[in-house]
């Protein structure tokens, strides 16, 4: 996406071949180095808002109020490919395949660790809530 911007000649360089670079037209792309400088130095709040909205909605297509993500089908394909690779190599899931080379060595160890951390966290939160009730 490109936005037409006026008045940023001292902050951003003109990327066009105009003979009068101070008059523009200026364009802002969503490349990180251009986006950050634009958001930092643009004096027009409306233009910053439009640029922010464009940045946040990359990869989405708005249809009414719902957002449909283009990457959804790619994620499904990636998950299916990972499952196919895991089943071809004799694993029940990609998680089991991935855990084979990790320190935890299997998914049961990961689930046990998460459950123990969750139990500690819940008891700590309960203790904090009880302590703050009497303050």
C-alpha atoms as a PDB file:
ATOM      1  CA  UNK A   1       0.000   0.000   0.000  1.00  0.00           C
ATOM      2  CA  UNK A   2       1.201   3.517  -0.737  1.00  0.00           C
ATOM      3  CA  UNK A   3      -0.020   6.742   0.865  1.00  0.00           C
ATOM      4  CA  UNK A   4       0.367  10.232  -0.572  1.00  0.00           C
ATOM      5  CA  UNK A   5       2.050  12.459   2.003  1.00  0.00           C
ATOM      6  CA  UNK A   6       2.775  16.175   1.976  1.00  0.00           C
ATOM      7  CA  UNK A   7       5.269  18.076   4.139  1.00  0.00           C
ATOM      8  CA  UNK A   8       7.747  15.412   5.200  1.00  0.00           C
ATOM      9  CA  UNK A   9      10.595  16.534   2.995  1.00  0.00           C
ATOM     10  CA  UNK A  10      12.936  17.209   5.915  1.00  0.00           C
ATOM     11  CA  UNK A  11      12.381  13.792   7.454  1.00  0.00           C
ATOM     12  CA  UNK A  12      12.015  11.297   4.611  1.00  0.00           C
ATOM     13  CA  UNK A  13      13.819  11.187   1.325  1.00  0.00           C
ATOM     14  CA  UNK A  14      11.849  11.366  -1.875  1.00  0.00           C
ATOM     15  CA  UNK A  15      12.045   8.040  -3.683  1.00  0.00           C
ATOM     16  CA  UNK A  16      10.652   9.407  -6.967  1.00  0.00           C
ATOM     17  CA  UNK A  17      12.467  10.992  -9.887  1.00  0.00           C
ATOM     18  CA  UNK A  18      10.699  14.351  -9.602  1.00  0.00           C
ATOM     19  CA  UNK A  19      12.747  17.417 -10.468  1.00  0.00           C
ATOM     20  CA  UNK A  20      11.311  19.146  -7.383  1.00  0.00           C
ATOM     21  CA  UNK A  21      11.653  16.675  -4.523  1.00  0.00           C
ATOM     22  CA  UNK A  22      10.359  19.131  -1.928  1.00  0.00           C
ATOM     23  CA  UNK A  23       6.915  19.130  -3.569  1.00  0.00           C
ATOM     24  CA  UNK A  24       6.500  15.355  -3.708  1.00  0.00           C
ATOM     25  CA  UNK A  25       4.620  13.217  -4.421  1.00  0.00           C
ATOM     26  CA  UNK A  26       5.709  11.275  -1.365  1.00  0.00           C
ATOM     27  CA  UNK A  27       4.858   7.662  -0.903  1.00  0.00           C
ATOM     28  CA  UNK A  28       5.061   5.618   2.257  1.00  0.00           C
ATOM     29  CA  UNK A  29       5.524   1.877   2.089  1.00  0.00           C
ATOM     30  CA  UNK A  30       5.145  -0.617   4.890  1.00  0.00           C
ATOM     31  CA  UNK A  31       8.828  -1.521   4.935  1.00  0.00           C
ATOM     32  CA  UNK A  32       9.868  -1.345   8.599  1.00  0.00           C
ATOM     33  CA  UNK A  33      12.520   1.346   8.189  1.00  0.00           C
ATOM     34  CA  UNK A  34      10.142   3.641   6.278  1.00  0.00           C
ATOM     35  CA  UNK A  35       7.074   2.845   8.396  1.00  0.00           C
ATOM     36  CA  UNK A  36       8.863   3.598  11.695  1.00  0.00           C
ATOM     37  CA  UNK A  37      10.249   6.935  10.487  1.00  0.00           C
ATOM     38  CA  UNK A  38       6.894   7.930   9.036  1.00  0.00           C
ATOM     39  CA  UNK A  39       5.101   7.135  12.287  1.00  0.00           C
ATOM     40  CA  UNK A  40       7.734   9.029  14.251  1.00  0.00           C
ATOM     41  CA  UNK A  41       7.865  12.229  12.203  1.00  0.00           C
ATOM     42  CA  UNK A  42       4.569  12.642  10.345  1.00  0.00           C
ATOM     43  CA  UNK A  43       2.710  15.674  11.749  1.00  0.00           C
ATOM     44  CA  UNK A  44      -0.677  14.619  10.349  1.00  0.00           C
ATOM     45  CA  UNK A  45      -2.548  12.324  12.732  1.00  0.00           C
ATOM     46  CA  UNK A  46      -4.964  11.130  10.036  1.00  0.00           C
ATOM     47  CA  UNK A  47      -2.125   9.973   7.807  1.00  0.00           C
ATOM     48  CA  UNK A  48      -0.432   8.201  10.729  1.00  0.00           C
ATOM     49  CA  UNK A  49      -3.724   6.455  11.544  1.00  0.00           C
ATOM     50  CA  UNK A  50      -4.166   5.322   7.935  1.00  0.00           C
ATOM     51  CA  UNK A  51      -0.601   4.029   7.828  1.00  0.00           C
ATOM     52  CA  UNK A  52      -1.083   2.226  11.158  1.00  0.00           C
ATOM     53  CA  UNK A  53      -4.295   0.599   9.908  1.00  0.00           C
ATOM     54  CA  UNK A  54      -2.548  -0.515   6.719  1.00  0.00           C
ATOM     55  CA  UNK A  55       0.355  -1.911   8.752  1.00  0.00           C
ATOM     56  CA  UNK A  56      -1.897  -3.815  11.137  1.00  0.00           C
ATOM     57  CA  UNK A  57      -4.102  -5.250   8.405  1.00  0.00           C
ATOM     58  CA  UNK A  58      -1.321  -6.707   6.270  1.00  0.00           C
ATOM     59  CA  UNK A  59      -2.381 -10.082   4.930  1.00  0.00           C
ATOM     60  CA  UNK A  60      -6.067  -9.523   5.662  1.00  0.00           C
ATOM     61  CA  UNK A  61      -9.026  -8.751   3.498  1.00  0.00           C
ATOM     62  CA  UNK A  62     -11.958  -6.947   5.065  1.00  0.00           C
ATOM     63  CA  UNK A  63     -15.411  -8.090   4.056  1.00  0.00           C
ATOM     64  CA  UNK A  64     -18.024  -6.247   6.038  1.00  0.00           C
ATOM     65  CA  UNK A  65     -17.068  -6.532   9.662  1.00  0.00           C
ATOM     66  CA  UNK A  66     -15.437  -9.944   9.421  1.00  0.00           C
ATOM     67  CA  UNK A  67     -11.816 -10.391   8.454  1.00  0.00           C
ATOM     68  CA  UNK A  68     -10.781 -13.247   6.234  1.00  0.00           C
ATOM     69  CA  UNK A  69      -7.127 -14.128   6.384  1.00  0.00           C
ATOM     70  CA  UNK A  70      -5.352 -15.086   3.209  1.00  0.00           C
ATOM     71  CA  UNK A  71      -2.761 -17.039   5.155  1.00  0.00           C
ATOM     72  CA  UNK A  72      -5.349 -19.431   6.558  1.00  0.00           C
ATOM     73  CA  UNK A  73      -5.085 -21.860   3.674  1.00  0.00           C
ATOM     74  CA  UNK A  74      -1.292 -21.735   3.834  1.00  0.00           C
ATOM     75  CA  UNK A  75      -1.330 -22.561   7.535  1.00  0.00           C
ATOM     76  CA  UNK A  76      -3.662 -25.492   6.873  1.00  0.00           C
ATOM     77  CA  UNK A  77      -1.326 -26.742   4.150  1.00  0.00           C
ATOM     78  CA  UNK A  78       1.675 -26.409   6.455  1.00  0.00           C
ATOM     79  CA  UNK A  79      -0.085 -28.323   9.246  1.00  0.00           C
ATOM     80  CA  UNK A  80      -1.110 -31.056   6.821  1.00  0.00           C
ATOM     81  CA  UNK A  81       2.421 -31.301   5.422  1.00  0.00           C
ATOM     82  CA  UNK A  82       3.866 -31.577   8.931  1.00  0.00           C
ATOM     83  CA  UNK A  83       1.346 -34.281   9.817  1.00  0.00           C
ATOM     84  CA  UNK A  84       2.181 -36.168   6.607  1.00  0.00           C
ATOM     85  CA  UNK A  85       5.914 -36.030   7.348  1.00  0.00           C
ATOM     86  CA  UNK A  86       5.360 -37.199  10.932  1.00  0.00           C
ATOM     87  CA  UNK A  87       3.140 -40.115   9.905  1.00  0.00           C
ATOM     88  CA  UNK A  88       5.567 -41.109   7.126  1.00  0.00           C
ATOM     89  CA  UNK A  89       8.359 -41.293   9.717  1.00  0.00           C
ATOM     90  CA  UNK A  90       6.204 -43.308  12.124  1.00  0.00           C
ATOM     91  CA  UNK A  91       5.196 -40.627  14.639  1.00  0.00           C
ATOM     92  CA  UNK A  92       1.661 -39.974  15.858  1.00  0.00           C
ATOM     93  CA  UNK A  93       1.978 -36.200  15.387  1.00  0.00           C
ATOM     94  CA  UNK A  94       4.439 -33.499  14.383  1.00  0.00           C
ATOM     95  CA  UNK A  95       4.832 -32.631  18.068  1.00  0.00           C
ATOM     96  CA  UNK A  96       6.127 -36.152  18.761  1.00  0.00           C
ATOM     97  CA  UNK A  97       8.527 -35.855  15.822  1.00  0.00           C
ATOM     98  CA  UNK A  98       9.774 -32.484  17.035  1.00  0.00           C
ATOM     99  CA  UNK A  99      10.161 -33.659  20.647  1.00  0.00           C
ATOM    100  CA  UNK A 100      12.364 -36.545  19.567  1.00  0.00           C
ATOM    101  CA  UNK A 101      15.374 -34.220  19.345  1.00  0.00           C
ATOM    102  CA  UNK A 102      14.485 -31.950  22.270  1.00  0.00           C
ATOM    103  CA  UNK A 103      15.525 -32.108  25.914  1.00  0.00           C
ATOM    104  CA  UNK A 104      11.979 -32.959  27.040  1.00  0.00           C
ATOM    105  CA  UNK A 105      12.093 -35.989  24.708  1.00  0.00           C
ATOM    106  CA  UNK A 106       8.293 -36.487  24.575  1.00  0.00           C
ATOM    107  CA  UNK A 107       5.040 -34.587  24.824  1.00  0.00           C
ATOM    108  CA  UNK A 108       4.042 -36.186  28.141  1.00  0.00           C
ATOM    109  CA  UNK A 109       7.048 -34.536  29.829  1.00  0.00           C
ATOM    110  CA  UNK A 110       6.005 -31.177  28.383  1.00  0.00           C
ATOM    111  CA  UNK A 111       2.418 -31.602  29.594  1.00  0.00           C
ATOM    112  CA  UNK A 112       3.662 -32.618  33.071  1.00  0.00           C
ATOM    113  CA  UNK A 113       5.928 -29.557  33.296  1.00  0.00           C
ATOM    114  CA  UNK A 114       3.130 -27.216  32.174  1.00  0.00           C
ATOM    115  CA  UNK A 115       0.731 -28.746  34.713  1.00  0.00           C
ATOM    116  CA  UNK A 116       3.250 -28.313  37.550  1.00  0.00           C
ATOM    117  CA  UNK A 117       3.887 -24.687  36.565  1.00  0.00           C
ATOM    118  CA  UNK A 118       0.161 -24.072  36.342  1.00  0.00           C
ATOM    119  CA  UNK A 119      -0.401 -25.526  39.817  1.00  0.00           C
ATOM    120  CA  UNK A 120       2.355 -23.337  41.281  1.00  0.00           C
ATOM    121  CA  UNK A 121       0.991 -20.289  39.506  1.00  0.00           C
ATOM    122  CA  UNK A 122      -2.535 -20.899  40.743  1.00  0.00           C
ATOM    123  CA  UNK A 123      -1.365 -21.345  44.344  1.00  0.00           C
ATOM    124  CA  UNK A 124       0.741 -18.166  44.109  1.00  0.00           C
ATOM    125  CA  UNK A 125      -2.168 -16.183  42.720  1.00  0.00           C
ATOM    126  CA  UNK A 126      -4.465 -17.492  45.470  1.00  0.00           C
ATOM    127  CA  UNK A 127      -1.924 -16.509  48.113  1.00  0.00           C
ATOM    128  CA  UNK A 128      -1.610 -13.011  46.638  1.00  0.00           C
ATOM    129  CA  UNK A 129      -5.392 -12.563  46.474  1.00  0.00           C
ATOM    130  CA  UNK A 130      -5.807 -13.710  50.079  1.00  0.00           C
ATOM    131  CA  UNK A 131      -2.982 -11.440  51.239  1.00  0.00           C
ATOM    132  CA  UNK A 132      -4.439  -8.401  49.496  1.00  0.00           C
ATOM    133  CA  UNK A 133      -7.888  -9.025  50.998  1.00  0.00           C
ATOM    134  CA  UNK A 134      -6.517  -8.264  54.466  1.00  0.00           C
ATOM    135  CA  UNK A 135      -4.576  -5.113  53.523  1.00  0.00           C
END
